[in-house]
N, C-alpha and C. Protein backbone atom coordinates (compact mmCIF):
# COMPACT_ATOMS: atom_id res chain seq x y z
N MET A 1 -18.77 -18.76 7.88
CA MET A 1 -18.62 -18.93 6.43
C MET A 1 -17.34 -19.70 6.15
N ALA A 2 -17.37 -20.59 5.18
CA ALA A 2 -16.20 -21.40 4.82
C ALA A 2 -15.21 -20.57 4.01
N SER A 3 -14.30 -21.26 3.37
CA SER A 3 -13.30 -20.57 2.56
C SER A 3 -13.95 -19.81 1.41
N VAL A 4 -13.34 -18.67 1.05
CA VAL A 4 -13.82 -17.83 -0.04
C VAL A 4 -12.73 -17.72 -1.08
N GLU A 5 -13.09 -17.90 -2.35
CA GLU A 5 -12.16 -17.70 -3.45
C GLU A 5 -12.62 -16.51 -4.28
N LEU A 6 -11.70 -15.58 -4.53
CA LEU A 6 -12.01 -14.37 -5.28
C LEU A 6 -11.12 -14.30 -6.50
N ASP A 7 -11.73 -14.39 -7.68
CA ASP A 7 -10.98 -14.31 -8.93
C ASP A 7 -11.10 -12.89 -9.46
N LEU A 8 -10.02 -12.11 -9.28
CA LEU A 8 -10.02 -10.69 -9.64
C LEU A 8 -8.95 -10.40 -10.69
N ARG A 9 -8.66 -11.41 -11.51
CA ARG A 9 -7.59 -11.26 -12.50
C ARG A 9 -7.95 -10.29 -13.63
N ARG A 10 -9.20 -9.94 -13.77
CA ARG A 10 -9.60 -9.04 -14.85
C ARG A 10 -9.63 -7.58 -14.45
N LEU A 11 -9.16 -7.27 -13.27
CA LEU A 11 -9.09 -5.87 -12.88
C LEU A 11 -8.19 -5.09 -13.83
N ASP A 12 -8.65 -3.92 -14.24
CA ASP A 12 -7.82 -3.06 -15.08
C ASP A 12 -6.73 -2.41 -14.25
N ALA A 13 -5.69 -1.94 -14.92
CA ALA A 13 -4.61 -1.24 -14.22
C ALA A 13 -5.17 -0.01 -13.50
N GLY A 14 -4.76 0.20 -12.27
CA GLY A 14 -5.22 1.35 -11.51
C GLY A 14 -6.63 1.21 -10.97
N GLN A 15 -7.18 0.01 -10.99
CA GLN A 15 -8.56 -0.21 -10.55
C GLN A 15 -8.58 -1.09 -9.31
N ALA A 16 -9.42 -0.71 -8.35
CA ALA A 16 -9.63 -1.54 -7.16
C ALA A 16 -10.91 -2.34 -7.33
N PRO A 17 -11.04 -3.47 -6.68
CA PRO A 17 -12.29 -4.23 -6.75
C PRO A 17 -13.44 -3.45 -6.13
N ARG A 18 -14.64 -3.74 -6.58
CA ARG A 18 -15.81 -3.14 -5.95
C ARG A 18 -15.94 -3.67 -4.52
N PRO A 19 -16.34 -2.81 -3.59
CA PRO A 19 -16.46 -3.26 -2.19
C PRO A 19 -17.32 -4.50 -2.03
N ALA A 20 -18.41 -4.59 -2.80
CA ALA A 20 -19.30 -5.75 -2.66
C ALA A 20 -18.61 -7.04 -3.09
N THR A 21 -17.66 -6.93 -4.00
CA THR A 21 -16.98 -8.12 -4.50
C THR A 21 -16.09 -8.75 -3.44
N VAL A 22 -15.43 -7.92 -2.64
CA VAL A 22 -14.48 -8.44 -1.65
C VAL A 22 -15.11 -8.54 -0.25
N ALA A 23 -16.32 -8.06 -0.09
CA ALA A 23 -16.97 -8.07 1.23
C ALA A 23 -17.04 -9.46 1.87
N PRO A 24 -17.28 -10.56 1.09
CA PRO A 24 -17.34 -11.88 1.73
C PRO A 24 -16.08 -12.28 2.49
N ALA A 25 -14.94 -11.67 2.18
CA ALA A 25 -13.70 -12.00 2.88
C ALA A 25 -13.81 -11.69 4.37
N GLY A 26 -14.62 -10.71 4.73
CA GLY A 26 -14.71 -10.30 6.11
C GLY A 26 -15.27 -11.36 7.04
N GLU A 27 -16.02 -12.35 6.50
CA GLU A 27 -16.61 -13.39 7.32
C GLU A 27 -16.08 -14.78 7.00
N ALA A 28 -15.07 -14.85 6.15
CA ALA A 28 -14.55 -16.15 5.71
C ALA A 28 -13.62 -16.76 6.76
N GLU A 29 -13.49 -18.08 6.68
CA GLU A 29 -12.52 -18.78 7.51
C GLU A 29 -11.14 -18.77 6.87
N ALA A 30 -11.11 -18.66 5.55
CA ALA A 30 -9.86 -18.56 4.80
C ALA A 30 -10.20 -17.91 3.46
N VAL A 31 -9.20 -17.26 2.85
CA VAL A 31 -9.43 -16.54 1.60
C VAL A 31 -8.32 -16.89 0.61
N ARG A 32 -8.71 -17.14 -0.64
CA ARG A 32 -7.76 -17.28 -1.73
C ARG A 32 -8.06 -16.19 -2.75
N VAL A 33 -7.05 -15.40 -3.07
CA VAL A 33 -7.21 -14.26 -3.98
C VAL A 33 -6.40 -14.51 -5.24
N ARG A 34 -7.05 -14.39 -6.39
CA ARG A 34 -6.34 -14.43 -7.67
C ARG A 34 -6.45 -13.04 -8.29
N GLY A 35 -5.29 -12.43 -8.55
CA GLY A 35 -5.35 -11.11 -9.15
C GLY A 35 -4.13 -10.27 -8.86
N PRO A 36 -4.14 -8.99 -9.26
CA PRO A 36 -3.00 -8.10 -9.06
C PRO A 36 -2.91 -7.61 -7.62
N VAL A 37 -1.93 -6.78 -7.35
CA VAL A 37 -1.72 -6.28 -5.99
C VAL A 37 -2.95 -5.58 -5.41
N PRO A 38 -3.66 -4.71 -6.17
CA PRO A 38 -4.83 -4.06 -5.58
C PRO A 38 -5.90 -5.04 -5.10
N ALA A 39 -5.98 -6.21 -5.70
CA ALA A 39 -6.94 -7.22 -5.25
C ALA A 39 -6.58 -7.71 -3.86
N LEU A 40 -5.31 -8.02 -3.64
CA LEU A 40 -4.86 -8.46 -2.32
C LEU A 40 -5.00 -7.34 -1.31
N SER A 41 -4.67 -6.12 -1.68
CA SER A 41 -4.80 -4.98 -0.77
C SER A 41 -6.24 -4.80 -0.33
N ALA A 42 -7.18 -4.92 -1.27
CA ALA A 42 -8.59 -4.73 -0.95
C ALA A 42 -9.09 -5.79 0.03
N VAL A 43 -8.66 -7.02 -0.15
CA VAL A 43 -9.06 -8.10 0.76
C VAL A 43 -8.52 -7.84 2.16
N LEU A 44 -7.27 -7.43 2.25
CA LEU A 44 -6.69 -7.17 3.57
C LEU A 44 -7.35 -5.96 4.24
N ALA A 45 -7.79 -4.98 3.45
CA ALA A 45 -8.51 -3.85 4.03
C ALA A 45 -9.84 -4.29 4.63
N VAL A 46 -10.51 -5.23 3.96
CA VAL A 46 -11.77 -5.78 4.50
C VAL A 46 -11.50 -6.52 5.81
N LEU A 47 -10.47 -7.34 5.83
CA LEU A 47 -10.14 -8.08 7.05
C LEU A 47 -9.70 -7.14 8.18
N LEU A 48 -9.00 -6.07 7.82
CA LEU A 48 -8.59 -5.09 8.82
C LEU A 48 -9.81 -4.44 9.46
N LYS A 49 -10.76 -4.04 8.64
CA LYS A 49 -11.97 -3.42 9.16
C LYS A 49 -12.73 -4.38 10.07
N ALA A 50 -12.69 -5.67 9.74
CA ALA A 50 -13.39 -6.67 10.55
C ALA A 50 -12.58 -7.10 11.77
N GLY A 51 -11.34 -6.63 11.89
CA GLY A 51 -10.48 -7.02 12.99
C GLY A 51 -10.04 -8.47 12.94
N ARG A 52 -9.87 -9.03 11.71
CA ARG A 52 -9.61 -10.46 11.58
C ARG A 52 -8.35 -10.77 10.78
N THR A 53 -7.47 -9.81 10.61
CA THR A 53 -6.29 -10.04 9.76
C THR A 53 -5.40 -11.16 10.29
N ALA A 54 -5.29 -11.29 11.60
CA ALA A 54 -4.37 -12.27 12.17
C ALA A 54 -4.95 -13.67 12.28
N GLU A 55 -6.25 -13.81 12.02
CA GLU A 55 -6.89 -15.12 12.20
C GLU A 55 -7.35 -15.77 10.90
N VAL A 56 -7.41 -15.01 9.81
CA VAL A 56 -7.90 -15.55 8.53
C VAL A 56 -6.71 -15.71 7.59
N PRO A 57 -6.30 -16.93 7.27
CA PRO A 57 -5.19 -17.12 6.33
C PRO A 57 -5.58 -16.67 4.92
N VAL A 58 -4.67 -15.94 4.29
CA VAL A 58 -4.91 -15.41 2.94
C VAL A 58 -3.86 -16.00 2.00
N ALA A 59 -4.33 -16.71 0.98
CA ALA A 59 -3.46 -17.22 -0.08
C ALA A 59 -3.63 -16.32 -1.30
N TRP A 60 -2.53 -16.07 -1.99
CA TRP A 60 -2.56 -15.15 -3.13
C TRP A 60 -1.92 -15.81 -4.34
N GLU A 61 -2.66 -15.78 -5.46
CA GLU A 61 -2.13 -16.20 -6.75
C GLU A 61 -1.95 -14.95 -7.60
N PRO A 62 -0.73 -14.42 -7.68
CA PRO A 62 -0.52 -13.13 -8.35
C PRO A 62 -0.64 -13.23 -9.86
N THR A 63 -0.95 -12.11 -10.46
CA THR A 63 -0.90 -11.99 -11.92
C THR A 63 0.56 -11.81 -12.35
N SER A 64 0.76 -11.67 -13.64
CA SER A 64 2.14 -11.64 -14.16
C SER A 64 2.67 -10.23 -14.39
N ASP A 65 1.95 -9.20 -13.93
CA ASP A 65 2.46 -7.84 -14.11
C ASP A 65 3.65 -7.60 -13.18
N ARG A 66 4.37 -6.54 -13.43
CA ARG A 66 5.63 -6.28 -12.72
C ARG A 66 5.43 -6.10 -11.21
N ASP A 67 4.41 -5.33 -10.82
CA ASP A 67 4.20 -5.08 -9.39
C ASP A 67 3.86 -6.38 -8.66
N ALA A 68 2.96 -7.18 -9.25
CA ALA A 68 2.57 -8.43 -8.60
C ALA A 68 3.74 -9.40 -8.53
N THR A 69 4.53 -9.48 -9.59
CA THR A 69 5.69 -10.36 -9.58
C THR A 69 6.69 -9.95 -8.51
N GLY A 70 6.91 -8.64 -8.39
CA GLY A 70 7.85 -8.14 -7.40
C GLY A 70 7.38 -8.40 -5.98
N LEU A 71 6.10 -8.14 -5.72
CA LEU A 71 5.58 -8.37 -4.37
C LEU A 71 5.58 -9.86 -4.04
N ALA A 72 5.20 -10.70 -5.01
CA ALA A 72 5.20 -12.14 -4.78
C ALA A 72 6.60 -12.63 -4.41
N ARG A 73 7.60 -12.10 -5.06
CA ARG A 73 8.99 -12.46 -4.73
C ARG A 73 9.33 -12.01 -3.31
N ASP A 74 8.94 -10.79 -2.96
CA ASP A 74 9.26 -10.26 -1.63
C ASP A 74 8.56 -11.07 -0.53
N LEU A 75 7.35 -11.54 -0.81
CA LEU A 75 6.58 -12.28 0.19
C LEU A 75 6.92 -13.77 0.22
N GLY A 76 7.66 -14.23 -0.77
CA GLY A 76 7.99 -15.65 -0.83
C GLY A 76 6.78 -16.51 -1.20
N ILE A 77 5.96 -16.01 -2.12
CA ILE A 77 4.78 -16.77 -2.54
C ILE A 77 5.21 -18.08 -3.19
N GLY A 78 4.58 -19.17 -2.78
CA GLY A 78 4.91 -20.48 -3.33
C GLY A 78 5.96 -21.24 -2.55
N SER A 79 6.41 -20.65 -1.45
CA SER A 79 7.41 -21.34 -0.64
C SER A 79 7.19 -20.99 0.83
N GLY A 80 7.70 -21.81 1.68
CA GLY A 80 7.62 -21.51 3.10
C GLY A 80 6.33 -21.96 3.74
N GLU A 81 6.15 -21.55 4.98
CA GLU A 81 5.00 -21.93 5.78
C GLU A 81 4.13 -20.73 6.07
N ARG A 82 2.93 -21.01 6.55
CA ARG A 82 2.02 -19.96 6.98
C ARG A 82 2.73 -19.07 8.01
N ARG A 83 2.61 -17.76 7.85
CA ARG A 83 3.29 -16.87 8.79
C ARG A 83 2.56 -15.53 8.92
N LEU A 84 2.79 -14.89 10.06
CA LEU A 84 2.23 -13.58 10.33
C LEU A 84 3.19 -12.51 9.86
N LEU A 85 2.65 -11.49 9.17
CA LEU A 85 3.48 -10.43 8.60
C LEU A 85 3.02 -9.07 9.07
N SER A 86 3.92 -8.10 8.96
CA SER A 86 3.58 -6.72 9.28
C SER A 86 2.50 -6.21 8.33
N LEU A 87 1.76 -5.21 8.80
CA LEU A 87 0.74 -4.59 7.96
C LEU A 87 0.92 -3.08 7.97
N VAL A 88 1.13 -2.52 6.79
CA VAL A 88 1.22 -1.07 6.64
C VAL A 88 -0.17 -0.55 6.28
N ARG A 89 -0.65 0.40 7.03
CA ARG A 89 -1.99 0.93 6.82
C ARG A 89 -1.94 2.45 6.74
N ASP A 90 -3.06 3.06 6.40
CA ASP A 90 -3.13 4.52 6.36
C ASP A 90 -4.31 4.99 7.20
N ASP A 91 -4.42 6.30 7.35
CA ASP A 91 -5.46 6.86 8.20
C ASP A 91 -6.78 7.06 7.46
N HIS A 92 -6.90 6.44 6.28
CA HIS A 92 -8.15 6.47 5.52
C HIS A 92 -8.72 5.07 5.32
N GLY A 93 -8.26 4.11 6.11
CA GLY A 93 -8.83 2.77 6.08
C GLY A 93 -8.22 1.81 5.10
N GLY A 94 -7.15 2.21 4.41
CA GLY A 94 -6.54 1.33 3.42
C GLY A 94 -5.27 0.68 3.95
N VAL A 95 -4.73 -0.24 3.15
CA VAL A 95 -3.45 -0.87 3.46
C VAL A 95 -2.51 -0.67 2.26
N LEU A 96 -1.23 -0.83 2.53
CA LEU A 96 -0.22 -0.68 1.48
C LEU A 96 0.68 -1.89 1.50
N LEU A 97 0.80 -2.56 0.36
CA LEU A 97 1.59 -3.77 0.26
C LEU A 97 2.86 -3.61 -0.57
N HIS A 98 2.79 -2.77 -1.60
CA HIS A 98 3.92 -2.71 -2.53
C HIS A 98 4.48 -1.31 -2.72
N HIS A 99 3.63 -0.35 -3.09
CA HIS A 99 4.15 0.97 -3.46
C HIS A 99 3.08 2.03 -3.28
N GLY A 100 3.43 3.06 -2.54
CA GLY A 100 2.56 4.23 -2.41
C GLY A 100 3.26 5.47 -2.91
N ARG A 101 2.47 6.44 -3.35
CA ARG A 101 3.06 7.68 -3.86
C ARG A 101 2.19 8.87 -3.48
N ILE A 102 2.86 9.98 -3.16
CA ILE A 102 2.19 11.26 -2.93
C ILE A 102 2.80 12.25 -3.90
N GLU A 103 1.95 12.92 -4.69
CA GLU A 103 2.45 13.84 -5.71
C GLU A 103 1.42 14.93 -5.94
N ALA A 104 1.80 15.93 -6.73
CA ALA A 104 0.87 16.99 -7.08
C ALA A 104 -0.27 16.43 -7.91
N GLY A 105 -1.48 16.86 -7.62
CA GLY A 105 -2.64 16.35 -8.35
C GLY A 105 -3.02 17.23 -9.52
N GLY A 106 -4.07 16.82 -10.21
CA GLY A 106 -4.62 17.61 -11.30
C GLY A 106 -4.08 17.23 -12.65
N PRO A 107 -4.84 17.54 -13.72
CA PRO A 107 -4.41 17.24 -15.08
C PRO A 107 -3.33 18.21 -15.54
N GLY A 108 -2.81 17.95 -16.71
CA GLY A 108 -1.88 18.90 -17.29
C GLY A 108 -0.51 18.31 -17.50
N ARG A 109 0.48 18.99 -16.94
CA ARG A 109 1.87 18.62 -17.20
C ARG A 109 2.21 17.23 -16.66
N ARG A 110 3.28 16.69 -17.16
CA ARG A 110 3.75 15.40 -16.67
C ARG A 110 4.05 15.49 -15.19
N SER A 111 3.88 14.40 -14.50
CA SER A 111 3.99 14.41 -13.04
C SER A 111 5.35 14.90 -12.56
N LEU A 112 6.43 14.59 -13.27
CA LEU A 112 7.75 15.02 -12.82
C LEU A 112 7.95 16.52 -12.96
N SER A 113 7.07 17.20 -13.71
CA SER A 113 7.17 18.64 -13.87
C SER A 113 6.36 19.39 -12.82
N ARG A 114 5.50 18.67 -12.12
CA ARG A 114 4.65 19.32 -11.13
C ARG A 114 5.38 19.45 -9.81
N ARG A 115 5.03 20.48 -9.05
CA ARG A 115 5.63 20.70 -7.75
C ARG A 115 4.52 20.72 -6.70
N LEU A 116 4.86 20.27 -5.51
CA LEU A 116 3.88 20.15 -4.44
C LEU A 116 4.47 20.72 -3.16
N GLY A 117 3.78 21.68 -2.55
CA GLY A 117 4.19 22.21 -1.26
C GLY A 117 3.82 21.23 -0.16
N LEU A 118 4.82 20.84 0.64
CA LEU A 118 4.57 19.71 1.54
C LEU A 118 5.56 19.74 2.71
N GLN A 119 5.08 19.27 3.86
CA GLN A 119 5.95 19.00 4.99
C GLN A 119 5.71 17.56 5.41
N ALA A 120 6.79 16.82 5.64
CA ALA A 120 6.66 15.40 5.96
C ALA A 120 7.67 15.01 7.03
N HIS A 121 7.22 14.14 7.95
CA HIS A 121 8.08 13.56 8.97
C HIS A 121 8.04 12.04 8.84
N HIS A 122 9.21 11.44 8.87
CA HIS A 122 9.32 9.97 8.91
C HIS A 122 9.83 9.64 10.30
N ASP A 123 8.94 9.14 11.15
CA ASP A 123 9.21 9.06 12.58
C ASP A 123 9.58 10.46 13.07
N ASP A 124 10.75 10.62 13.69
CA ASP A 124 11.11 11.95 14.22
C ASP A 124 12.02 12.73 13.28
N ILE A 125 12.14 12.29 12.04
CA ILE A 125 13.01 12.97 11.07
C ILE A 125 12.14 13.78 10.10
N LYS A 126 12.44 15.06 9.95
CA LYS A 126 11.76 15.87 8.94
C LYS A 126 12.41 15.57 7.59
N VAL A 127 11.66 14.93 6.70
CA VAL A 127 12.23 14.50 5.43
C VAL A 127 11.87 15.45 4.28
N ALA A 128 10.93 16.36 4.50
CA ALA A 128 10.57 17.32 3.47
C ALA A 128 9.94 18.55 4.12
N ASP A 129 10.28 19.71 3.58
CA ASP A 129 9.70 20.97 4.06
C ASP A 129 9.83 22.00 2.96
N GLY A 130 8.81 22.11 2.12
CA GLY A 130 8.85 23.02 0.98
C GLY A 130 8.29 22.34 -0.25
N GLU A 131 8.74 22.78 -1.42
CA GLU A 131 8.24 22.21 -2.66
C GLU A 131 9.05 20.97 -3.03
N ILE A 132 8.34 19.92 -3.39
CA ILE A 132 8.98 18.67 -3.83
C ILE A 132 8.28 18.18 -5.09
N THR A 133 8.83 17.12 -5.67
CA THR A 133 8.20 16.49 -6.83
C THR A 133 7.28 15.36 -6.39
N ARG A 134 7.77 14.47 -5.50
CA ARG A 134 6.93 13.38 -5.03
C ARG A 134 7.60 12.66 -3.86
N ILE A 135 6.80 11.85 -3.18
CA ILE A 135 7.29 10.95 -2.14
C ILE A 135 6.85 9.54 -2.49
N ASP A 136 7.77 8.61 -2.45
CA ASP A 136 7.47 7.20 -2.67
C ASP A 136 7.64 6.43 -1.37
N VAL A 137 6.73 5.50 -1.12
CA VAL A 137 6.73 4.72 0.12
C VAL A 137 6.61 3.24 -0.23
N ARG A 138 7.45 2.42 0.40
CA ARG A 138 7.39 0.97 0.17
C ARG A 138 7.54 0.23 1.49
N PRO A 139 6.66 -0.73 1.77
CA PRO A 139 6.89 -1.60 2.93
C PRO A 139 8.21 -2.34 2.76
N ASP A 140 8.94 -2.49 3.86
CA ASP A 140 10.20 -3.22 3.84
C ASP A 140 9.93 -4.63 4.36
N TRP A 141 9.85 -5.60 3.46
CA TRP A 141 9.52 -6.97 3.84
C TRP A 141 10.71 -7.72 4.40
N THR A 142 11.89 -7.09 4.43
CA THR A 142 13.05 -7.71 5.06
C THR A 142 13.16 -7.33 6.53
N ALA A 143 12.29 -6.43 6.98
CA ALA A 143 12.31 -5.95 8.36
C ALA A 143 10.92 -6.10 8.96
N VAL A 144 10.78 -5.72 10.21
CA VAL A 144 9.49 -5.78 10.90
C VAL A 144 8.99 -4.37 11.15
N ASP A 145 7.73 -4.12 10.80
CA ASP A 145 7.10 -2.83 11.06
C ASP A 145 7.93 -1.67 10.53
N THR A 146 8.31 -1.76 9.26
CA THR A 146 9.21 -0.76 8.67
C THR A 146 8.74 -0.38 7.27
N ILE A 147 8.80 0.92 6.99
CA ILE A 147 8.57 1.40 5.63
C ILE A 147 9.78 2.21 5.18
N GLY A 148 10.08 2.10 3.89
CA GLY A 148 11.11 2.90 3.29
C GLY A 148 10.49 4.09 2.57
N VAL A 149 11.06 5.27 2.74
CA VAL A 149 10.53 6.50 2.16
C VAL A 149 11.61 7.14 1.29
N THR A 150 11.20 7.53 0.08
CA THR A 150 12.11 8.24 -0.83
C THR A 150 11.47 9.56 -1.22
N VAL A 151 12.18 10.65 -0.98
CA VAL A 151 11.69 11.99 -1.31
C VAL A 151 12.46 12.50 -2.52
N MET A 152 11.72 12.82 -3.59
CA MET A 152 12.32 13.44 -4.77
C MET A 152 12.01 14.94 -4.73
N VAL A 153 13.05 15.74 -4.51
CA VAL A 153 12.85 17.18 -4.46
C VAL A 153 12.77 17.76 -5.86
N GLN A 154 13.70 17.35 -6.72
CA GLN A 154 13.70 17.78 -8.11
C GLN A 154 14.07 16.59 -8.99
N PRO A 155 13.49 16.54 -10.21
CA PRO A 155 13.85 15.45 -11.12
C PRO A 155 15.35 15.44 -11.42
N LEU A 156 15.88 14.25 -11.54
CA LEU A 156 17.28 14.02 -11.91
C LEU A 156 18.26 14.52 -10.85
N ARG A 157 17.75 14.83 -9.67
CA ARG A 157 18.63 15.19 -8.55
C ARG A 157 18.64 14.05 -7.54
N PRO A 158 19.65 13.98 -6.69
CA PRO A 158 19.68 12.91 -5.69
C PRO A 158 18.43 12.92 -4.81
N THR A 159 17.97 11.74 -4.47
CA THR A 159 16.80 11.62 -3.60
C THR A 159 17.24 11.38 -2.17
N ARG A 160 16.31 11.61 -1.24
CA ARG A 160 16.59 11.33 0.17
C ARG A 160 15.82 10.09 0.58
N ARG A 161 16.53 9.12 1.14
CA ARG A 161 15.91 7.85 1.54
C ARG A 161 16.02 7.68 3.05
N THR A 162 14.93 7.27 3.66
CA THR A 162 14.91 7.01 5.09
C THR A 162 14.14 5.73 5.36
N SER A 163 14.35 5.19 6.56
CA SER A 163 13.68 3.97 6.96
C SER A 163 13.12 4.16 8.36
N GLY A 164 11.86 3.75 8.57
CA GLY A 164 11.25 3.91 9.87
C GLY A 164 9.85 3.32 9.88
N ARG A 165 9.05 3.71 10.87
CA ARG A 165 7.75 3.08 11.04
C ARG A 165 6.61 3.89 10.45
N ALA A 166 6.65 5.24 10.54
CA ALA A 166 5.48 6.03 10.16
C ALA A 166 5.89 7.27 9.37
N LEU A 167 5.08 7.59 8.35
CA LEU A 167 5.24 8.81 7.57
C LEU A 167 3.99 9.66 7.74
N GLN A 168 4.18 10.92 8.15
CA GLN A 168 3.07 11.85 8.31
C GLN A 168 3.31 13.04 7.38
N VAL A 169 2.27 13.39 6.63
CA VAL A 169 2.39 14.42 5.60
C VAL A 169 1.28 15.45 5.76
N ALA A 170 1.65 16.72 5.64
CA ALA A 170 0.69 17.83 5.50
C ALA A 170 1.10 18.60 4.26
N SER A 171 0.13 18.90 3.38
CA SER A 171 0.52 19.42 2.07
C SER A 171 -0.57 20.27 1.44
N ASP A 172 -0.20 20.90 0.33
CA ASP A 172 -1.20 21.43 -0.60
C ASP A 172 -2.00 20.24 -1.14
N PRO A 173 -3.12 20.49 -1.84
CA PRO A 173 -3.89 19.35 -2.35
C PRO A 173 -3.00 18.37 -3.13
N ALA A 174 -2.99 17.13 -2.67
CA ALA A 174 -2.07 16.14 -3.22
C ALA A 174 -2.84 14.94 -3.73
N ARG A 175 -2.23 14.25 -4.69
CA ARG A 175 -2.75 13.01 -5.22
C ARG A 175 -2.03 11.85 -4.56
N VAL A 176 -2.78 10.90 -4.03
CA VAL A 176 -2.20 9.73 -3.39
C VAL A 176 -2.53 8.50 -4.21
N ILE A 177 -1.54 7.65 -4.41
CA ILE A 177 -1.72 6.39 -5.13
C ILE A 177 -1.32 5.26 -4.21
N ARG A 178 -2.24 4.32 -3.97
CA ARG A 178 -1.99 3.17 -3.10
C ARG A 178 -1.95 1.92 -3.95
N ASP A 179 -0.80 1.28 -4.03
CA ASP A 179 -0.66 0.04 -4.81
C ASP A 179 -1.27 0.18 -6.20
N GLY A 180 -0.98 1.31 -6.84
CA GLY A 180 -1.41 1.54 -8.21
C GLY A 180 -2.78 2.14 -8.37
N VAL A 181 -3.54 2.29 -7.29
CA VAL A 181 -4.91 2.79 -7.36
C VAL A 181 -4.97 4.21 -6.79
N PRO A 182 -5.36 5.21 -7.60
CA PRO A 182 -5.45 6.58 -7.08
C PRO A 182 -6.55 6.71 -6.04
N PHE A 183 -6.24 7.43 -4.94
CA PHE A 183 -7.27 7.76 -3.97
C PHE A 183 -8.28 8.67 -4.66
N PRO A 184 -9.58 8.55 -4.35
CA PRO A 184 -10.60 9.22 -5.15
C PRO A 184 -10.65 10.75 -5.06
N ARG A 185 -9.94 11.35 -4.12
CA ARG A 185 -9.99 12.81 -4.01
C ARG A 185 -8.65 13.33 -3.52
N PRO A 186 -8.35 14.61 -3.80
CA PRO A 186 -7.10 15.19 -3.27
C PRO A 186 -7.14 15.24 -1.75
N VAL A 187 -5.96 15.17 -1.15
CA VAL A 187 -5.86 15.20 0.31
C VAL A 187 -4.89 16.30 0.74
N HIS A 188 -5.08 16.78 1.96
CA HIS A 188 -4.15 17.75 2.56
C HIS A 188 -3.29 17.09 3.63
N ARG A 189 -3.76 15.97 4.16
CA ARG A 189 -3.01 15.24 5.18
C ARG A 189 -3.08 13.74 4.89
N TRP A 190 -1.98 13.07 5.18
CA TRP A 190 -1.94 11.63 4.94
C TRP A 190 -0.91 11.00 5.88
N THR A 191 -1.23 9.81 6.34
CA THR A 191 -0.30 9.05 7.17
C THR A 191 -0.24 7.61 6.69
N TRP A 192 0.97 7.11 6.49
CA TRP A 192 1.20 5.68 6.30
C TRP A 192 2.01 5.19 7.48
N TYR A 193 1.62 4.07 8.07
CA TYR A 193 2.38 3.57 9.20
C TYR A 193 2.30 2.05 9.28
N ALA A 194 3.40 1.46 9.72
CA ALA A 194 3.44 0.02 9.98
C ALA A 194 2.89 -0.18 11.39
N ASP A 195 1.72 -0.78 11.49
CA ASP A 195 1.02 -0.90 12.76
C ASP A 195 1.57 -2.10 13.54
N ASP A 196 2.29 -1.82 14.63
CA ASP A 196 2.89 -2.92 15.37
C ASP A 196 1.89 -3.70 16.21
N ARG A 197 0.61 -3.28 16.19
CA ARG A 197 -0.43 -4.02 16.92
C ARG A 197 -1.19 -4.98 16.01
N VAL A 198 -0.91 -4.93 14.71
CA VAL A 198 -1.69 -5.69 13.74
C VAL A 198 -0.76 -6.56 12.89
N ARG A 199 -1.18 -7.79 12.66
CA ARG A 199 -0.47 -8.67 11.74
C ARG A 199 -1.50 -9.28 10.77
N TRP A 200 -1.01 -9.72 9.61
CA TRP A 200 -1.89 -10.47 8.70
C TRP A 200 -1.26 -11.82 8.41
N LEU A 201 -2.12 -12.77 8.13
CA LEU A 201 -1.71 -14.18 8.04
C LEU A 201 -1.62 -14.61 6.59
N LEU A 202 -0.40 -14.84 6.13
CA LEU A 202 -0.15 -15.24 4.74
C LEU A 202 -0.06 -16.76 4.66
N GLU A 203 -0.78 -17.31 3.69
CA GLU A 203 -0.70 -18.74 3.35
C GLU A 203 0.07 -18.83 2.05
N PRO A 204 1.42 -18.99 2.11
CA PRO A 204 2.24 -18.87 0.90
C PRO A 204 2.12 -20.06 -0.04
């Protein structure tokens, strides 16, 4: 299959593309994506499943929202040469490009008021053990195979920040958000890791 262009600029906030919409990326020779961060994440997840992330160049035309603008700046969109980049993935088949979050699920009180029983390790460091408010995860595009983790134990209190390759979490039922898109069901276990065996090919 030749190059594929996917115009996903009309995605609503917190919405991922339908699987059928991004499926052609899995057999393309090259892909151009127009849309927010979840659009790019979905395309890379398709290529990851097909085992083709390192061979299919992906060009991205970001939208003007804050997350897309920030990621485009971090990736150097519009400048530089084609290059291979780290890929942060999870144990549920997804990828993470900009921002992930683990927090207490369910309706009701504001998220900062909710507490979540959780134990988490970032590489060999125990970063949480007990009730917390949330964990934020961001790929570090200034490093190789690295994610930054921030643990908020209580609102308005100092947070704990660590840097490493993998975050493993076991918790009470938790809500996970990947690049702005909520995972469809609560989870008890979750792993985000920068896979040193996998790269993706950016066409900036």
